[in-house]
Amino acid sequence: MRLDKFLVVARLVKQRTRAKELCDAGHVKIGGKSAKAAHAVTEGEVIELTLPRRRLVVAVEAVPAAKSVPKAEAPTLYKILEDERTDRLE
């Protein structure tokens, strides 16, 4: 599954276009390196997502086969490693 699609299916980002914009701007990193929206997400990868006023680091627990998952299942796709609130806007 593409990175931008995973971020939406896991409900870490609300819209796929926004997820792609974040990737293009370098606000999404995998393994410490900027990741492109088309990157194929695999289990065990660590995704660092920098949002306005928030930095989130998650480990991918599962990659769904379906294009979407029920809202209740979304949090089972990842494990939060860090969730840091910041005052700066990016």
Protein backbone atom coordinates (compact mmCIF):
# COMPACT_ATOMS: atom_id res chain seq x y z
CA MET A 1 0.00 0.00 0.00
CA ARG A 2 1.24 3.49 -0.85
CA LEU A 3 2.38 5.68 2.04
CA ASP A 4 -0.15 8.44 1.35
CA LYS A 5 -2.97 5.89 1.22
CA PHE A 6 -1.78 4.22 4.46
CA LEU A 7 -1.78 7.54 6.32
CA VAL A 8 -5.43 8.06 5.33
CA VAL A 9 -6.59 4.48 5.96
CA ALA A 10 -4.91 4.56 9.41
CA ARG A 11 -6.60 7.93 9.97
CA LEU A 12 -3.34 9.71 10.76
CA VAL A 13 -4.20 12.28 8.05
CA LYS A 14 -7.73 13.12 6.94
CA GLN A 15 -7.22 13.53 3.18
CA ARG A 16 -5.01 11.74 0.69
CA THR A 17 -4.08 14.99 -1.07
CA ARG A 18 -2.92 16.40 2.27
CA ALA A 19 -0.90 13.24 2.91
CA LYS A 20 0.78 13.63 -0.49
CA GLU A 21 1.50 17.31 0.21
CA LEU A 22 3.13 16.38 3.53
CA CYS A 23 5.30 13.77 1.79
CA ASP A 24 6.29 16.20 -0.99
CA ALA A 25 7.22 18.85 1.59
CA GLY A 26 9.47 16.41 3.49
CA HIS A 27 7.27 16.22 6.59
CA VAL A 28 7.00 12.41 6.43
CA LYS A 29 10.08 10.31 7.11
CA ILE A 30 10.67 6.58 7.15
CA GLY A 31 13.84 5.36 8.80
CA GLY A 32 14.98 8.96 9.24
CA LYS A 33 14.80 9.74 5.50
CA SER A 34 12.18 11.75 3.66
CA ALA A 35 9.65 9.43 2.06
CA LYS A 36 7.73 9.85 -1.16
CA ALA A 37 3.97 9.39 -1.29
CA ALA A 38 4.38 6.32 -3.52
CA HIS A 39 6.62 4.48 -1.04
CA ALA A 40 5.30 0.96 -0.39
CA VAL A 41 4.64 0.66 3.34
CA THR A 42 5.65 -2.60 5.03
CA GLU A 43 5.11 -3.92 8.54
CA GLY A 44 7.76 -2.89 11.04
CA GLU A 45 8.62 0.44 9.40
CA VAL A 46 8.78 3.54 11.58
CA ILE A 47 6.99 6.59 10.19
CA GLU A 48 7.74 10.07 11.52
CA LEU A 49 5.01 12.57 10.71
CA THR A 50 5.49 16.28 11.36
CA LEU A 51 2.21 18.16 11.46
CA PRO A 52 1.48 21.73 12.55
CA ARG A 53 1.95 21.75 16.33
CA ARG A 54 2.52 17.98 16.49
CA ARG A 55 5.24 15.42 15.82
CA LEU A 56 4.08 11.83 15.67
CA VAL A 57 6.24 8.70 15.39
CA VAL A 58 4.47 5.40 14.74
CA ALA A 59 5.52 1.83 13.98
CA VAL A 60 3.50 0.07 11.30
CA GLU A 61 1.85 -2.99 12.87
CA ALA A 62 -0.20 -4.14 9.86
CA VAL A 63 -0.81 -3.13 6.28
CA PRO A 64 -4.44 -3.71 5.30
CA ALA A 65 -5.29 -5.56 2.11
CA ALA A 66 -8.51 -3.58 1.66
CA LYS A 67 -8.70 0.02 0.48
CA SER A 68 -10.31 1.03 3.75
CA VAL A 69 -10.88 -0.30 7.24
CA PRO A 70 -13.56 0.45 9.82
CA LYS A 71 -12.81 3.39 12.11
CA ALA A 72 -12.48 1.07 15.13
CA GLU A 73 -9.78 -1.00 13.39
CA ALA A 74 -7.65 1.93 12.23
CA PRO A 75 -5.62 2.23 15.48
CA THR A 76 -4.62 -1.45 15.20
CA LEU A 77 -2.60 -0.65 12.06
CA TYR A 78 0.09 1.22 13.99
CA LYS A 79 1.67 1.66 17.40
CA ILE A 80 2.43 5.15 18.68
CA LEU A 81 6.08 5.47 19.71
CA GLU A 82 6.14 9.25 20.27
CA ASP A 83 3.45 11.92 20.29
CA GLU A 84 4.94 15.34 20.90
CA ARG A 85 2.97 18.58 20.90
CA THR A 86 4.89 21.65 19.75
CA ASP A 87 4.16 25.37 19.55
CA ARG A 88 5.69 25.92 16.14
CA LEU A 89 3.72 25.90 12.93
CA GLU A 90 5.22 24.13 9.92
